[in-house]
Amino acid sequence: CETLQLSFDYEADMDFSALDAYAWMPAQAGAPDDSETQGDSQGHAWVIDAVDTELARKGYRLDRDAPDFLVSFEASLERQSTLSLLFTLADSQRFLWRGTAHDKAYPARNPAAEEKRIRTAVGRLLEQFPPL
């Protein structure tokens, strides 16, 4: 039974073919602590690894010094099972693309199943990046 629901939004006027390199958005100093999302460091590591893997597969390179766009994410992996990826221009932080996956199934309790679920969600989201 397919329970993964996806939604997307993007800047229609953006020339996505000009993008080559990305970096992860630096952590915001003084950002509110969300114990539900911040407490799952293993889940967050899986998200980061899955995004890095998928973007590399698509030909994007990780460049912390001179990125074209920045990547960030919000994840609620325990109760709501929602993952949002947000891409912004590196120089202006202007919105580029957002993909959100919401899984209505009860969260997996075993680590291997949870990692697979995260990788599946990231893969399905990034199938739509860049938008056609």
C-alpha atoms as a PDB file:
ATOM      1  CA  CYS A   1       0.000   0.000   0.000  1.00  0.00           C
ATOM      2  CA  GLU A   2       1.493   3.359  -1.080  1.00  0.00           C
ATOM      3  CA  THR A   3       1.348   5.791   1.813  1.00  0.00           C
ATOM      4  CA  LEU A   4       3.940   8.362   0.713  1.00  0.00           C
ATOM      5  CA  GLN A   5       2.371  11.651  -0.377  1.00  0.00           C
ATOM      6  CA  LEU A   6       4.566  14.180  -2.194  1.00  0.00           C
ATOM      7  CA  SER A   7       4.172  17.867  -2.908  1.00  0.00           C
ATOM      8  CA  PHE A   8       6.452  20.322  -4.698  1.00  0.00           C
ATOM      9  CA  ASP A   9       6.879  24.037  -5.223  1.00  0.00           C
ATOM     10  CA  TYR A  10       9.549  25.867  -7.211  1.00  0.00           C
ATOM     11  CA  GLU A  11      10.547  29.204  -8.699  1.00  0.00           C
ATOM     12  CA  ALA A  12       9.138  29.028 -12.223  1.00  0.00           C
ATOM     13  CA  ASP A  13      11.478  31.718 -13.583  1.00  0.00           C
ATOM     14  CA  MET A  14      14.674  30.015 -12.423  1.00  0.00           C
ATOM     15  CA  ASP A  15      17.154  28.545 -14.909  1.00  0.00           C
ATOM     16  CA  PHE A  16      17.899  25.323 -13.040  1.00  0.00           C
ATOM     17  CA  SER A  17      20.411  24.249 -15.716  1.00  0.00           C
ATOM     18  CA  ALA A  18      22.790  26.927 -14.376  1.00  0.00           C
ATOM     19  CA  LEU A  19      23.109  25.100 -11.048  1.00  0.00           C
ATOM     20  CA  ASP A  20      26.153  22.932 -10.552  1.00  0.00           C
ATOM     21  CA  ALA A  21      27.312  22.945  -6.926  1.00  0.00           C
ATOM     22  CA  TYR A  22      25.553  22.918  -3.579  1.00  0.00           C
ATOM     23  CA  ALA A  23      26.316  23.176   0.114  1.00  0.00           C
ATOM     24  CA  TRP A  24      24.321  22.500   3.228  1.00  0.00           C
ATOM     25  CA  MET A  25      22.745  25.527   4.854  1.00  0.00           C
ATOM     26  CA  PRO A  26      24.697  26.396   8.007  1.00  0.00           C
ATOM     27  CA  ALA A  27      22.839  25.794  11.269  1.00  0.00           C
ATOM     28  CA  GLN A  28      21.087  28.920  12.421  1.00  0.00           C
ATOM     29  CA  ALA A  29      22.522  30.287  15.645  1.00  0.00           C
ATOM     30  CA  GLY A  30      19.810  30.796  18.197  1.00  0.00           C
ATOM     31  CA  ALA A  31      17.235  28.752  16.282  1.00  0.00           C
ATOM     32  CA  PRO A  32      14.521  27.364  18.525  1.00  0.00           C
ATOM     33  CA  ASP A  33      15.230  23.883  19.783  1.00  0.00           C
ATOM     34  CA  ASP A  34      12.750  21.362  18.419  1.00  0.00           C
ATOM     35  CA  SER A  35      13.420  18.281  20.494  1.00  0.00           C
ATOM     36  CA  GLU A  36      11.333  16.065  18.216  1.00  0.00           C
ATOM     37  CA  THR A  37      13.446  16.823  15.137  1.00  0.00           C
ATOM     38  CA  GLN A  38      16.783  17.684  16.738  1.00  0.00           C
ATOM     39  CA  GLY A  39      16.829  14.560  18.887  1.00  0.00           C
ATOM     40  CA  ASP A  40      17.020  12.107  15.996  1.00  0.00           C
ATOM     41  CA  SER A  41      20.644  12.537  14.965  1.00  0.00           C
ATOM     42  CA  GLN A  42      20.787   9.131  13.232  1.00  0.00           C
ATOM     43  CA  GLY A  43      17.704   9.962  11.144  1.00  0.00           C
ATOM     44  CA  HIS A  44      19.190  13.315  10.229  1.00  0.00           C
ATOM     45  CA  ALA A  45      22.459  11.640   9.212  1.00  0.00           C
ATOM     46  CA  TRP A  46      20.464   9.326   6.927  1.00  0.00           C
ATOM     47  CA  VAL A  47      18.675  12.305   5.343  1.00  0.00           C
ATOM     48  CA  ILE A  48      21.966  14.123   4.714  1.00  0.00           C
ATOM     49  CA  ASP A  49      23.616  11.025   3.261  1.00  0.00           C
ATOM     50  CA  ALA A  50      20.592  10.250   1.060  1.00  0.00           C
ATOM     51  CA  VAL A  51      20.449  13.824  -0.287  1.00  0.00           C
ATOM     52  CA  ASP A  52      24.216  13.884  -0.932  1.00  0.00           C
ATOM     53  CA  THR A  53      23.989  10.531  -2.722  1.00  0.00           C
ATOM     54  CA  GLU A  54      21.003  11.514  -4.893  1.00  0.00           C
ATOM     55  CA  LEU A  55      22.388  14.942  -5.814  1.00  0.00           C
ATOM     56  CA  ALA A  56      25.756  13.379  -6.751  1.00  0.00           C
ATOM     57  CA  ARG A  57      23.911  10.819  -8.880  1.00  0.00           C
ATOM     58  CA  LYS A  58      22.252  13.733 -10.689  1.00  0.00           C
ATOM     59  CA  GLY A  59      25.659  15.363 -11.335  1.00  0.00           C
ATOM     60  CA  TYR A  60      25.634  18.037  -8.625  1.00  0.00           C
ATOM     61  CA  ARG A  61      28.763  18.431  -6.563  1.00  0.00           C
ATOM     62  CA  LEU A  62      29.154  19.375  -2.931  1.00  0.00           C
ATOM     63  CA  ASP A  63      31.181  22.614  -2.718  1.00  0.00           C
ATOM     64  CA  ARG A  64      31.197  24.313   0.670  1.00  0.00           C
ATOM     65  CA  ASP A  65      33.290  27.246  -0.617  1.00  0.00           C
ATOM     66  CA  ALA A  66      31.424  28.277  -3.775  1.00  0.00           C
ATOM     67  CA  PRO A  67      27.954  26.688  -3.974  1.00  0.00           C
ATOM     68  CA  ASP A  68      25.260  27.756  -6.417  1.00  0.00           C
ATOM     69  CA  PHE A  69      22.496  26.655  -4.086  1.00  0.00           C
ATOM     70  CA  LEU A  70      22.004  25.743  -0.445  1.00  0.00           C
ATOM     71  CA  VAL A  71      20.165  22.704   0.883  1.00  0.00           C
ATOM     72  CA  SER A  72      18.281  22.467   4.156  1.00  0.00           C
ATOM     73  CA  PHE A  73      15.635  20.157   5.512  1.00  0.00           C
ATOM     74  CA  GLU A  74      13.031  19.801   8.189  1.00  0.00           C
ATOM     75  CA  ALA A  75      12.147  16.364   9.443  1.00  0.00           C
ATOM     76  CA  SER A  76       9.613  15.021  11.849  1.00  0.00           C
ATOM     77  CA  LEU A  77      10.507  11.382  11.738  1.00  0.00           C
ATOM     78  CA  GLU A  78       8.730  10.115  14.822  1.00  0.00           C
ATOM     79  CA  ARG A  79       5.087  11.125  14.884  1.00  0.00           C
ATOM     80  CA  GLN A  80       4.120  12.964  11.723  1.00  0.00           C
ATOM     81  CA  SER A  81       6.665  11.327   9.414  1.00  0.00           C
ATOM     82  CA  THR A  82       7.185  14.446   7.314  1.00  0.00           C
ATOM     83  CA  LEU A  83      10.340  15.402   5.441  1.00  0.00           C
ATOM     84  CA  SER A  84      10.767  18.718   3.610  1.00  0.00           C
ATOM     85  CA  LEU A  85      13.791  19.575   1.485  1.00  0.00           C
ATOM     86  CA  LEU A  86      14.383  23.260   0.738  1.00  0.00           C
ATOM     87  CA  PHE A  87      16.812  24.618  -1.848  1.00  0.00           C
ATOM     88  CA  THR A  88      17.715  28.328  -2.013  1.00  0.00           C
ATOM     89  CA  LEU A  89      20.171  30.353  -4.072  1.00  0.00           C
ATOM     90  CA  ALA A  90      23.466  30.610  -2.209  1.00  0.00           C
ATOM     91  CA  ASP A  91      24.150  34.278  -2.955  1.00  0.00           C
ATOM     92  CA  SER A  92      20.694  35.708  -2.188  1.00  0.00           C
ATOM     93  CA  GLN A  93      18.997  32.852  -0.298  1.00  0.00           C
ATOM     94  CA  ARG A  94      16.105  33.277  -2.745  1.00  0.00           C
ATOM     95  CA  PHE A  95      13.694  30.332  -2.822  1.00  0.00           C
ATOM     96  CA  LEU A  96      14.369  27.792  -5.592  1.00  0.00           C
ATOM     97  CA  TRP A  97      12.611  24.521  -4.855  1.00  0.00           C
ATOM     98  CA  ARG A  98      10.799  22.685  -2.073  1.00  0.00           C
ATOM     99  CA  GLY A  99       9.738  19.074  -1.901  1.00  0.00           C
ATOM    100  CA  THR A 100       7.748  17.577   0.951  1.00  0.00           C
ATOM    101  CA  ALA A 101       7.066  13.924   1.659  1.00  0.00           C
ATOM    102  CA  HIS A 102       4.446  12.872   4.170  1.00  0.00           C
ATOM    103  CA  ASP A 103       4.096   9.225   5.106  1.00  0.00           C
ATOM    104  CA  LYS A 104       0.758   8.252   6.634  1.00  0.00           C
ATOM    105  CA  ALA A 105       2.070   4.845   7.718  1.00  0.00           C
ATOM    106  CA  TYR A 106       3.069   4.301  11.322  1.00  0.00           C
ATOM    107  CA  PRO A 107       6.801   5.004  11.720  1.00  0.00           C
ATOM    108  CA  ALA A 108       9.130   2.032  11.505  1.00  0.00           C
ATOM    109  CA  ARG A 109      10.657   1.008  14.793  1.00  0.00           C
ATOM    110  CA  ASN A 110      13.660  -0.825  13.466  1.00  0.00           C
ATOM    111  CA  PRO A 111      16.641   1.219  12.227  1.00  0.00           C
ATOM    112  CA  ALA A 112      17.074  -0.579   8.896  1.00  0.00           C
ATOM    113  CA  ALA A 113      13.416  -0.029   7.973  1.00  0.00           C
ATOM    114  CA  GLU A 114      13.574   3.619   9.046  1.00  0.00           C
ATOM    115  CA  GLU A 115      16.704   4.253   6.982  1.00  0.00           C
ATOM    116  CA  LYS A 116      15.085   2.601   3.951  1.00  0.00           C
ATOM    117  CA  ARG A 117      11.973   4.746   4.398  1.00  0.00           C
ATOM    118  CA  ILE A 118      14.073   7.943   4.564  1.00  0.00           C
ATOM    119  CA  ARG A 119      16.119   6.992   1.504  1.00  0.00           C
ATOM    120  CA  THR A 120      12.944   6.155  -0.421  1.00  0.00           C
ATOM    121  CA  ALA A 121      11.374   9.515   0.484  1.00  0.00           C
ATOM    122  CA  VAL A 122      14.505  11.471  -0.492  1.00  0.00           C
ATOM    123  CA  GLY A 123      14.826   9.532  -3.744  1.00  0.00           C
ATOM    124  CA  ARG A 124      11.191  10.120  -4.678  1.00  0.00           C
ATOM    125  CA  LEU A 125      11.467  13.833  -3.825  1.00  0.00           C
ATOM    126  CA  LEU A 126      14.650  14.374  -5.810  1.00  0.00           C
ATOM    127  CA  GLU A 127      13.184  12.620  -8.851  1.00  0.00           C
ATOM    128  CA  GLN A 128      11.427  15.972  -9.285  1.00  0.00           C
ATOM    129  CA  PHE A 129      14.585  18.091  -9.034  1.00  0.00           C
ATOM    130  CA  PRO A 130      15.319  19.965 -11.116  1.00  0.00           C
ATOM    131  CA  PRO A 131      11.747  20.563 -12.234  1.00  0.00           C
ATOM    132  CA  LEU A 132      11.055  20.046 -15.925  1.00  0.00           C
END
